[in-house]
C-alpha atoms as a PDB file:
ATOM      1  CA  MET A   1       0.000   0.000   0.000  1.00  0.00           C
ATOM      2  CA  PRO A   2       1.552   3.373  -0.964  1.00  0.00           C
ATOM      3  CA  VAL A   3       2.302   5.876   1.802  1.00  0.00           C
ATOM      4  CA  ASP A   4       1.114   9.468   1.508  1.00  0.00           C
ATOM      5  CA  THR A   5       4.315  11.419   2.242  1.00  0.00           C
ATOM      6  CA  ARG A   6       2.537  14.753   2.034  1.00  0.00           C
ATOM      7  CA  ARG A   7       0.870  14.238   5.398  1.00  0.00           C
ATOM      8  CA  LEU A   8       2.565  14.408   8.785  1.00  0.00           C
ATOM      9  CA  ARG A   9       1.898  11.373  10.871  1.00  0.00           C
ATOM     10  CA  GLY A  10       0.945  12.558  14.336  1.00  0.00           C
ATOM     11  CA  PRO A  11       0.939  10.553  17.553  1.00  0.00           C
ATOM     12  CA  GLU A  12      -1.916   8.146  18.134  1.00  0.00           C
ATOM     13  CA  VAL A  13      -2.417   9.391  21.703  1.00  0.00           C
ATOM     14  CA  SER A  14      -3.148  13.101  22.230  1.00  0.00           C
ATOM     15  CA  GLN A  15      -3.191  15.273  25.346  1.00  0.00           C
ATOM     16  CA  SER A  16      -5.554  18.007  26.381  1.00  0.00           C
ATOM     17  CA  PRO A  17      -4.272  21.580  25.777  1.00  0.00           C
ATOM     18  CA  SER A  18      -5.395  22.487  29.298  1.00  0.00           C
ATOM     19  CA  GLN A  19      -2.365  20.626  30.667  1.00  0.00           C
ATOM     20  CA  PHE A  20      -0.088  23.255  29.125  1.00  0.00           C
ATOM     21  CA  ALA A  21      -2.066  26.273  30.344  1.00  0.00           C
ATOM     22  CA  CYS A  22      -0.216  28.796  32.524  1.00  0.00           C
ATOM     23  CA  LYS A  23      -0.908  28.345  36.194  1.00  0.00           C
ATOM     24  CA  PRO A  24      -1.866  31.432  38.230  1.00  0.00           C
ATOM     25  CA  ALA A  25       0.967  33.034  40.142  1.00  0.00           C
ATOM     26  CA  ALA A  26       1.146  31.926  43.732  1.00  0.00           C
ATOM     27  CA  VAL A  27       1.027  34.454  46.536  1.00  0.00           C
ATOM     28  CA  LEU A  28       4.550  34.672  47.912  1.00  0.00           C
ATOM     29  CA  PRO A  29       5.122  35.100  51.658  1.00  0.00           C
ATOM     30  CA  SER A  30       6.179  38.575  52.762  1.00  0.00           C
ATOM     31  CA  HIS A  31       8.506  37.304  55.498  1.00  0.00           C
ATOM     32  CA  GLY A  32      11.155  34.648  55.960  1.00  0.00           C
ATOM     33  CA  PRO A  33      13.459  33.295  53.260  1.00  0.00           C
ATOM     34  CA  ARG A  34      12.604  33.717  49.609  1.00  0.00           C
ATOM     35  CA  ALA A  35      11.501  30.875  47.348  1.00  0.00           C
ATOM     36  CA  ASP A  36      15.044  30.299  46.019  1.00  0.00           C
ATOM     37  CA  GLY A  37      16.645  30.392  49.471  1.00  0.00           C
ATOM     38  CA  ARG A  38      17.963  33.965  49.350  1.00  0.00           C
ATOM     39  CA  GLN A  39      17.384  36.308  52.255  1.00  0.00           C
ATOM     40  CA  ARG A  40      15.256  39.431  52.369  1.00  0.00           C
ATOM     41  CA  ASP A  41      16.581  42.872  53.282  1.00  0.00           C
ATOM     42  CA  GLN A  42      20.061  41.802  52.157  1.00  0.00           C
ATOM     43  CA  VAL A  43      22.119  42.380  49.011  1.00  0.00           C
ATOM     44  CA  ASP A  44      21.652  38.766  47.958  1.00  0.00           C
ATOM     45  CA  VAL A  45      21.980  38.592  44.168  1.00  0.00           C
ATOM     46  CA  ARG A  46      21.667  35.445  42.092  1.00  0.00           C
ATOM     47  CA  PRO A  47      24.789  33.649  40.805  1.00  0.00           C
ATOM     48  CA  VAL A  48      25.947  35.177  37.527  1.00  0.00           C
ATOM     49  CA  PHE A  49      27.545  33.453  34.533  1.00  0.00           C
ATOM     50  CA  VAL A  50      28.837  35.529  31.619  1.00  0.00           C
ATOM     51  CA  ARG A  51      30.844  34.809  28.486  1.00  0.00           C
ATOM     52  CA  CYS A  52      31.967  36.977  25.569  1.00  0.00           C
ATOM     53  CA  GLY A  53      32.494  36.405  21.863  1.00  0.00           C
ATOM     54  CA  LEU A  54      29.947  33.662  21.194  1.00  0.00           C
ATOM     55  CA  VAL A  55      28.512  35.179  17.983  1.00  0.00           C
ATOM     56  CA  SER A  56      31.196  35.326  15.306  1.00  0.00           C
ATOM     57  CA  GLN A  57      29.081  37.402  12.878  1.00  0.00           C
ATOM     58  CA  ALA A  58      28.810  40.302  15.350  1.00  0.00           C
ATOM     59  CA  LYS A  59      31.544  42.805  16.174  1.00  0.00           C
ATOM     60  CA  GLY A  60      31.057  41.940  19.847  1.00  0.00           C
ATOM     61  CA  SER A  61      28.713  39.675  21.777  1.00  0.00           C
ATOM     62  CA  ALA A  62      27.979  38.510  25.293  1.00  0.00           C
ATOM     63  CA  TYR A  63      25.848  35.838  26.927  1.00  0.00           C
ATOM     64  CA  MET A  64      24.646  36.189  30.510  1.00  0.00           C
ATOM     65  CA  GLU A  65      22.802  34.040  33.004  1.00  0.00           C
ATOM     66  CA  ALA A  66      21.520  35.292  36.358  1.00  0.00           C
ATOM     67  CA  GLY A  67      19.702  32.426  37.963  1.00  0.00           C
ATOM     68  CA  ASP A  68      17.202  31.348  35.298  1.00  0.00           C
ATOM     69  CA  THR A  69      17.295  34.688  33.464  1.00  0.00           C
ATOM     70  CA  LYS A  70      19.204  34.242  30.201  1.00  0.00           C
ATOM     71  CA  LEU A  71      20.130  36.982  27.724  1.00  0.00           C
ATOM     72  CA  MET A  72      22.205  37.343  24.571  1.00  0.00           C
ATOM     73  CA  CYS A  73      23.539  40.654  23.265  1.00  0.00           C
ATOM     74  CA  CYS A  74      25.158  41.410  19.895  1.00  0.00           C
ATOM     75  CA  VAL A  75      26.891  44.660  18.920  1.00  0.00           C
ATOM     76  CA  TYR A  76      27.341  45.780  15.309  1.00  0.00           C
ATOM     77  CA  GLY A  77      29.421  48.721  14.177  1.00  0.00           C
ATOM     78  CA  PRO A  78      30.603  51.342  14.244  1.00  0.00           C
ATOM     79  CA  ARG A  79      29.291  51.642  10.699  1.00  0.00           C
ATOM     80  CA  GLU A  80      28.474  54.617   8.530  1.00  0.00           C
ATOM     81  CA  THR A  81      25.063  56.048   9.239  1.00  0.00           C
ATOM     82  CA  GLU A  82      22.397  55.335   6.652  1.00  0.00           C
ATOM     83  CA  ARG A  83      20.610  58.673   7.040  1.00  0.00           C
ATOM     84  CA  LYS A  84      21.897  61.268   4.606  1.00  0.00           C
ATOM     85  CA  ASP A  85      20.754  64.172   6.768  1.00  0.00           C
ATOM     86  CA  GLU A  86      23.126  63.091   9.541  1.00  0.00           C
ATOM     87  CA  THR A  87      26.327  62.736   7.554  1.00  0.00           C
ATOM     88  CA  ASP A  88      27.797  65.872   9.173  1.00  0.00           C
ATOM     89  CA  MET A  89      27.148  64.867  12.789  1.00  0.00           C
ATOM     90  CA  LYS A  90      30.221  65.189  14.988  1.00  0.00           C
ATOM     91  CA  CYS A  91      29.307  62.396  17.394  1.00  0.00           C
ATOM     92  CA  GLY A  92      28.255  58.842  16.757  1.00  0.00           C
ATOM     93  CA  ARG A  93      24.772  57.535  17.370  1.00  0.00           C
ATOM     94  CA  LEU A  94      23.749  54.625  19.587  1.00  0.00           C
ATOM     95  CA  THR A  95      20.729  52.494  18.701  1.00  0.00           C
ATOM     96  CA  THR A  96      19.349  49.865  21.080  1.00  0.00           C
ATOM     97  CA  ASP A  97      16.812  47.129  20.501  1.00  0.00           C
ATOM     98  CA  MET A  98      15.605  44.803  23.244  1.00  0.00           C
ATOM     99  CA  ARG A  99      13.221  41.979  22.429  1.00  0.00           C
ATOM    100  CA  PHE A 100      11.781  38.908  24.118  1.00  0.00           C
ATOM    101  CA  ALA A 101      11.853  35.521  22.457  1.00  0.00           C
ATOM    102  CA  PRO A 102       8.376  33.950  22.133  1.00  0.00           C
ATOM    103  CA  PHE A 103       9.418  31.159  24.489  1.00  0.00           C
ATOM    104  CA  SER A 104      11.026  33.447  27.089  1.00  0.00           C
ATOM    105  CA  CYS A 105       7.915  34.187  29.176  1.00  0.00           C
ATOM    106  CA  LEU A 106       5.013  32.242  30.598  1.00  0.00           C
ATOM    107  CA  GLU A 107       2.685  34.292  28.422  1.00  0.00           C
ATOM    108  CA  ARG A 108       3.451  33.524  24.798  1.00  0.00           C
ATOM    109  CA  GLY A 109       4.701  36.595  22.919  1.00  0.00           C
ATOM    110  CA  SER A 110       5.650  37.400  19.351  1.00  0.00           C
ATOM    111  CA  TRP A 111       8.656  38.701  17.494  1.00  0.00           C
ATOM    112  CA  ILE A 112       6.883  42.012  16.900  1.00  0.00           C
ATOM    113  CA  GLN A 113       8.190  44.691  19.242  1.00  0.00           C
ATOM    114  CA  GLY A 114       5.485  45.906  21.632  1.00  0.00           C
ATOM    115  CA  SER A 115       5.218  48.960  23.851  1.00  0.00           C
ATOM    116  CA  GLN A 116       6.928  47.232  26.770  1.00  0.00           C
ATOM    117  CA  ASP A 117       9.881  46.241  24.597  1.00  0.00           C
ATOM    118  CA  LYS A 118      10.201  49.831  23.380  1.00  0.00           C
ATOM    119  CA  ASP A 119      10.249  51.114  26.964  1.00  0.00           C
ATOM    120  CA  PHE A 120      12.954  48.606  27.860  1.00  0.00           C
ATOM    121  CA  SER A 121      14.946  49.589  24.762  1.00  0.00           C
ATOM    122  CA  LEU A 122      14.720  53.248  25.794  1.00  0.00           C
ATOM    123  CA  MET A 123      15.913  52.444  29.321  1.00  0.00           C
ATOM    124  CA  LEU A 124      18.789  50.464  27.838  1.00  0.00           C
ATOM    125  CA  HIS A 125      19.731  53.378  25.575  1.00  0.00           C
ATOM    126  CA  GLU A 126      19.657  55.933  28.391  1.00  0.00           C
ATOM    127  CA  SER A 127      21.805  53.695  30.601  1.00  0.00           C
ATOM    128  CA  LEU A 128      24.502  52.927  28.031  1.00  0.00           C
ATOM    129  CA  GLN A 129      24.903  56.251  26.232  1.00  0.00           C
ATOM    130  CA  PRO A 130      26.700  58.153  29.069  1.00  0.00           C
ATOM    131  CA  ALA A 131      29.397  55.448  29.176  1.00  0.00           C
ATOM    132  CA  LEU A 132      30.276  55.539  25.459  1.00  0.00           C
ATOM    133  CA  CYS A 133      32.861  57.815  23.845  1.00  0.00           C
ATOM    134  CA  LEU A 134      30.582  58.642  20.919  1.00  0.00           C
ATOM    135  CA  HIS A 135      32.726  61.619  19.927  1.00  0.00           C
ATOM    136  CA  LYS A 136      35.322  59.086  18.772  1.00  0.00           C
ATOM    137  CA  TYR A 137      32.949  57.808  16.078  1.00  0.00           C
ATOM    138  CA  PRO A 138      31.684  60.760  13.993  1.00  0.00           C
ATOM    139  CA  ARG A 139      29.122  60.038  11.285  1.00  0.00           C
ATOM    140  CA  SER A 140      28.759  56.487  12.570  1.00  0.00           C
ATOM    141  CA  GLN A 141      26.227  54.431  14.441  1.00  0.00           C
ATOM    142  CA  ILE A 142      26.589  51.583  16.920  1.00  0.00           C
ATOM    143  CA  GLU A 143      23.813  49.005  17.123  1.00  0.00           C
ATOM    144  CA  VAL A 144      23.084  47.051  20.306  1.00  0.00           C
ATOM    145  CA  ASN A 145      20.602  44.160  20.054  1.00  0.00           C
ATOM    146  CA  VAL A 146      19.523  42.282  23.182  1.00  0.00           C
ATOM    147  CA  MET A 147      17.456  39.108  23.019  1.00  0.00           C
ATOM    148  CA  VAL A 148      15.890  37.761  26.215  1.00  0.00           C
ATOM    149  CA  LEU A 149      15.981  33.977  25.968  1.00  0.00           C
ATOM    150  CA  GLU A 150      14.369  33.320  29.355  1.00  0.00           C
ATOM    151  CA  ASN A 151      12.670  35.883  31.550  1.00  0.00           C
ATOM    152  CA  SER A 152      13.059  34.989  35.190  1.00  0.00           C
ATOM    153  CA  GLY A 153      13.031  38.532  36.560  1.00  0.00           C
ATOM    154  CA  SER A 154      15.188  41.689  36.533  1.00  0.00           C
ATOM    155  CA  VAL A 155      15.689  41.485  32.767  1.00  0.00           C
ATOM    156  CA  VAL A 156      16.326  45.215  32.251  1.00  0.00           C
ATOM    157  CA  ALA A 157      19.077  45.356  34.871  1.00  0.00           C
ATOM    158  CA  HIS A 158      20.816  42.280  33.483  1.00  0.00           C
ATOM    159  CA  ALA A 159      20.345  43.501  29.906  1.00  0.00           C
ATOM    160  CA  VAL A 160      22.305  46.643  30.798  1.00  0.00           C
ATOM    161  CA  THR A 161      25.172  44.551  32.179  1.00  0.00           C
ATOM    162  CA  CYS A 162      25.137  42.140  29.228  1.00  0.00           C
ATOM    163  CA  ALA A 163      25.072  44.972  26.675  1.00  0.00           C
ATOM    164  CA  SER A 164      27.937  46.772  28.392  1.00  0.00           C
ATOM    165  CA  LEU A 165      30.015  43.605  28.268  1.00  0.00           C
ATOM    166  CA  ALA A 166      29.225  43.124  24.574  1.00  0.00           C
ATOM    167  CA  LEU A 167      30.259  46.719  23.817  1.00  0.00           C
ATOM    168  CA  ALA A 168      33.570  46.159  25.581  1.00  0.00           C
ATOM    169  CA  ASP A 169      34.045  42.906  23.656  1.00  0.00           C
ATOM    170  CA  ALA A 170      33.452  44.830  20.408  1.00  0.00           C
ATOM    171  CA  GLY A 171      36.287  47.211  21.245  1.00  0.00           C
ATOM    172  CA  ILE A 172      34.046  50.281  21.565  1.00  0.00           C
ATOM    173  CA  GLU A 173      35.792  52.987  23.568  1.00  0.00           C
ATOM    174  CA  MET A 174      33.999  53.529  26.866  1.00  0.00           C
ATOM    175  CA  TYR A 175      34.529  55.604  29.961  1.00  0.00           C
ATOM    176  CA  ASP A 176      33.491  52.698  32.165  1.00  0.00           C
ATOM    177  CA  LEU A 177      31.446  49.527  32.195  1.00  0.00           C
ATOM    178  CA  VAL A 178      27.754  49.794  33.058  1.00  0.00           C
ATOM    179  CA  LEU A 179      26.252  47.406  35.593  1.00  0.00           C
ATOM    180  CA  GLY A 180      22.589  46.993  36.442  1.00  0.00           C
ATOM    181  CA  CYS A 181      20.719  45.949  39.573  1.00  0.00           C
ATOM    182  CA  ALA A 182      17.054  45.922  40.589  1.00  0.00           C
ATOM    183  CA  ILE A 183      15.073  45.725  43.832  1.00  0.00           C
ATOM    184  CA  ARG A 184      11.406  45.357  44.682  1.00  0.00           C
ATOM    185  CA  GLN A 185       9.738  46.687  47.783  1.00  0.00           C
ATOM    186  CA  ASP A 186       7.611  44.061  49.509  1.00  0.00           C
ATOM    187  CA  GLY A 187       5.750  45.784  52.315  1.00  0.00           C
ATOM    188  CA  ALA A 188       8.204  46.674  55.042  1.00  0.00           C
ATOM    189  CA  SER A 189      10.998  44.601  53.469  1.00  0.00           C
ATOM    190  CA  TYR A 190      12.697  44.518  50.092  1.00  0.00           C
ATOM    191  CA  VAL A 191      14.151  41.886  47.776  1.00  0.00           C
ATOM    192  CA  VAL A 192      17.243  42.377  45.616  1.00  0.00           C
ATOM    193  CA  ASP A 193      17.418  40.961  42.092  1.00  0.00           C
ATOM    194  CA  PRO A 194      13.761  39.828  42.165  1.00  0.00           C
ATOM    195  CA  THR A 195      12.611  36.813  40.205  1.00  0.00           C
ATOM    196  CA  TYR A 196       9.703  36.811  37.775  1.00  0.00           C
ATOM    197  CA  ALA A 197       7.318  35.504  40.438  1.00  0.00           C
ATOM    198  CA  GLU A 198       8.459  38.154  42.916  1.00  0.00           C
ATOM    199  CA  GLU A 199       8.067  40.930  40.344  1.00  0.00           C
ATOM    200  CA  ASN A 200       4.522  39.892  39.507  1.00  0.00           C
ATOM    201  CA  GLY A 201       3.441  38.798  42.974  1.00  0.00           C
ATOM    202  CA  SER A 202       0.564  40.412  44.806  1.00  0.00           C
ATOM    203  CA  GLY A 203       1.113  42.827  47.664  1.00  0.00           C
ATOM    204  CA  ASP A 204       0.108  46.172  49.103  1.00  0.00           C
ATOM    205  CA  SER A 205       3.354  47.959  48.318  1.00  0.00           C
ATOM    206  CA  GLN A 206       5.114  46.973  45.096  1.00  0.00           C
ATOM    207  CA  GLY A 207       7.612  49.715  44.411  1.00  0.00           C
ATOM    208  CA  ARG A 208      10.292  48.681  41.930  1.00  0.00           C
ATOM    209  CA  LEU A 209      13.658  50.251  41.226  1.00  0.00           C
ATOM    210  CA  THR A 210      16.139  49.531  38.430  1.00  0.00           C
ATOM    211  CA  LEU A 211      19.523  51.245  38.452  1.00  0.00           C
ATOM    212  CA  ALA A 212      22.446  51.430  36.003  1.00  0.00           C
ATOM    213  CA  PHE A 213      25.791  52.232  37.593  1.00  0.00           C
ATOM    214  CA  LEU A 214      29.342  53.053  36.455  1.00  0.00           C
ATOM    215  CA  PRO A 215      31.496  51.441  39.173  1.00  0.00           C
ATOM    216  CA  CYS A 216      34.870  53.078  38.457  1.00  0.00           C
ATOM    217  CA  LEU A 217      33.434  56.573  38.046  1.00  0.00           C
ATOM    218  CA  ASN A 218      30.941  56.020  40.885  1.00  0.00           C
ATOM    219  CA  GLN A 219      28.144  57.546  38.811  1.00  0.00           C
ATOM    220  CA  ILE A 220      24.551  56.571  38.048  1.00  0.00           C
ATOM    221  CA  SER A 221      23.756  56.488  34.342  1.00  0.00           C
ATOM    222  CA  GLY A 222      20.158  55.258  34.480  1.00  0.00           C
ATOM    223  CA  LEU A 223      17.335  55.084  37.004  1.00  0.00           C
ATOM    224  CA  GLN A 224      13.808  53.767  36.620  1.00  0.00           C
ATOM    225  CA  SER A 225      11.265  53.665  39.450  1.00  0.00           C
ATOM    226  CA  ASP A 226       7.760  52.201  39.342  1.00  0.00           C
ATOM    227  CA  GLY A 227       5.073  52.143  41.986  1.00  0.00           C
ATOM    228  CA  GLU A 228       4.797  54.023  45.259  1.00  0.00           C
ATOM    229  CA  MET A 229       8.010  54.549  47.204  1.00  0.00           C
ATOM    230  CA  THR A 230       8.820  57.087  49.893  1.00  0.00           C
ATOM    231  CA  GLU A 231      11.856  59.338  49.593  1.00  0.00           C
ATOM    232  CA  GLU A 232      13.685  57.429  52.321  1.00  0.00           C
ATOM    233  CA  THR A 233      12.896  54.089  50.685  1.00  0.00           C
ATOM    234  CA  LEU A 234      14.059  55.367  47.298  1.00  0.00           C
ATOM    235  CA  SER A 235      17.364  56.629  48.724  1.00  0.00           C
ATOM    236  CA  ALA A 236      17.957  53.351  50.538  1.00  0.00           C
ATOM    237  CA  GLY A 237      17.056  51.431  47.374  1.00  0.00           C
ATOM    238  CA  VAL A 238      19.610  53.361  45.334  1.00  0.00           C
ATOM    239  CA  ARG A 239      22.348  52.551  47.849  1.00  0.00           C
ATOM    240  CA  THR A 240      21.301  48.896  47.871  1.00  0.00           C
ATOM    241  CA  CYS A 241      21.394  48.657  44.067  1.00  0.00           C
ATOM    242  CA  ILE A 242      24.862  50.231  44.004  1.00  0.00           C
ATOM    243  CA  GLU A 243      26.075  47.633  46.485  1.00  0.00           C
ATOM    244  CA  GLY A 244      24.533  44.903  44.320  1.00  0.00           C
ATOM    245  CA  CYS A 245      26.410  46.237  41.277  1.00  0.00           C
ATOM    246  CA  TYR A 246      29.687  46.065  43.162  1.00  0.00           C
ATOM    247  CA  LYS A 247      28.938  42.436  44.044  1.00  0.00           C
ATOM    248  CA  ILE A 248      28.749  41.307  40.418  1.00  0.00           C
ATOM    249  CA  TYR A 249      31.574  43.588  39.238  1.00  0.00           C
ATOM    250  CA  PRO A 250      34.407  41.040  39.826  1.00  0.00           C
ATOM    251  CA  VAL A 251      32.568  38.434  37.743  1.00  0.00           C
ATOM    252  CA  ILE A 252      32.216  40.866  34.830  1.00  0.00           C
ATOM    253  CA  GLN A 253      35.882  41.855  35.091  1.00  0.00           C
ATOM    254  CA  GLN A 254      37.031  38.233  34.993  1.00  0.00           C
ATOM    255  CA  ALA A 255      34.873  37.437  31.961  1.00  0.00           C
ATOM    256  CA  LEU A 256      36.176  40.460  30.073  1.00  0.00           C
ATOM    257  CA  ALA A 257      39.794  39.699  30.967  1.00  0.00           C
ATOM    258  CA  LYS A 258      39.318  36.113  29.787  1.00  0.00           C
ATOM    259  CA  ALA A 259      37.930  37.341  26.469  1.00  0.00           C
ATOM    260  CA  VAL A 260      40.889  39.694  25.993  1.00  0.00           C
ATOM    261  CA  ARG A 261      43.398  36.917  26.692  1.00  0.00           C
ATOM    262  CA  ARG A 262      41.643  34.702  24.166  1.00  0.00           C
ATOM    263  CA  VAL A 263      41.965  37.160  21.269  1.00  0.00           C
ATOM    264  CA  ALA A 264      45.279  38.754  22.256  1.00  0.00           C
ATOM    265  CA  PRO A 265      48.351  37.481  20.387  1.00  0.00           C
ATOM    266  CA  PRO A 266      50.771  35.350  22.397  1.00  0.00           C
ATOM    267  CA  PRO A 267      53.854  37.132  23.706  1.00  0.00           C
ATOM    268  CA  SER A 268      56.861  36.849  21.427  1.00  0.00           C
ATOM    269  CA  GLU A 269      59.814  34.909  22.717  1.00  0.00           C
ATOM    270  CA  SER A 270      63.053  36.872  22.792  1.00  0.00           C
END
């Protein structure tokens, strides 16, 4: 009997689509240890893994994991600007694009950039631009593309760190690296580097703060605050985020130094 090769043979046993439906977010406790074992009211960030130079087609690239949050950043340029009306500009131009893969979130998304992605791209642009020596690249543009592979919380803060590492890997002249950290107010306490469940959990007070920091210059390049937060809480949150940036700074330095040693020529023997 001939076989119809134009049809896909599916499994004989099927499963109900309701088994794959997203479960409602559980109400997290507002006291005691967090779900992943980290402590509240402490600068307890998730373990970070970073690596540079994974995408050969890009001028510079970086991959970053913070817990279950996974991001990839590619940098292209500097290249001549495509807009003819900007050919006489004395400083270069930075363009940023941050997108979420369809499989990165519990709610299925699309490749089309939405309003939230545009807000994140704008925050990424405002955080990175003060650290770049754009006057070194007249009539040029530098493109930074961040793809979120898995969203497990604090994606904007980690996207800033990953993009800064990719820019350094691309050889773009910078005043300093840019590191990101985020906190979430949970009633009378706070959590550093919140997960996706902690960011979207229910609570009376849900103030959020995302900060971009230049560690060597000791300057803040970006700040985004959502929700209700008092002035004292905001000041304390800024200091906490700065301390969190300093905690991940040695890991970023080691990854960048390893990337430089990999591409640097071996010393000549005399």
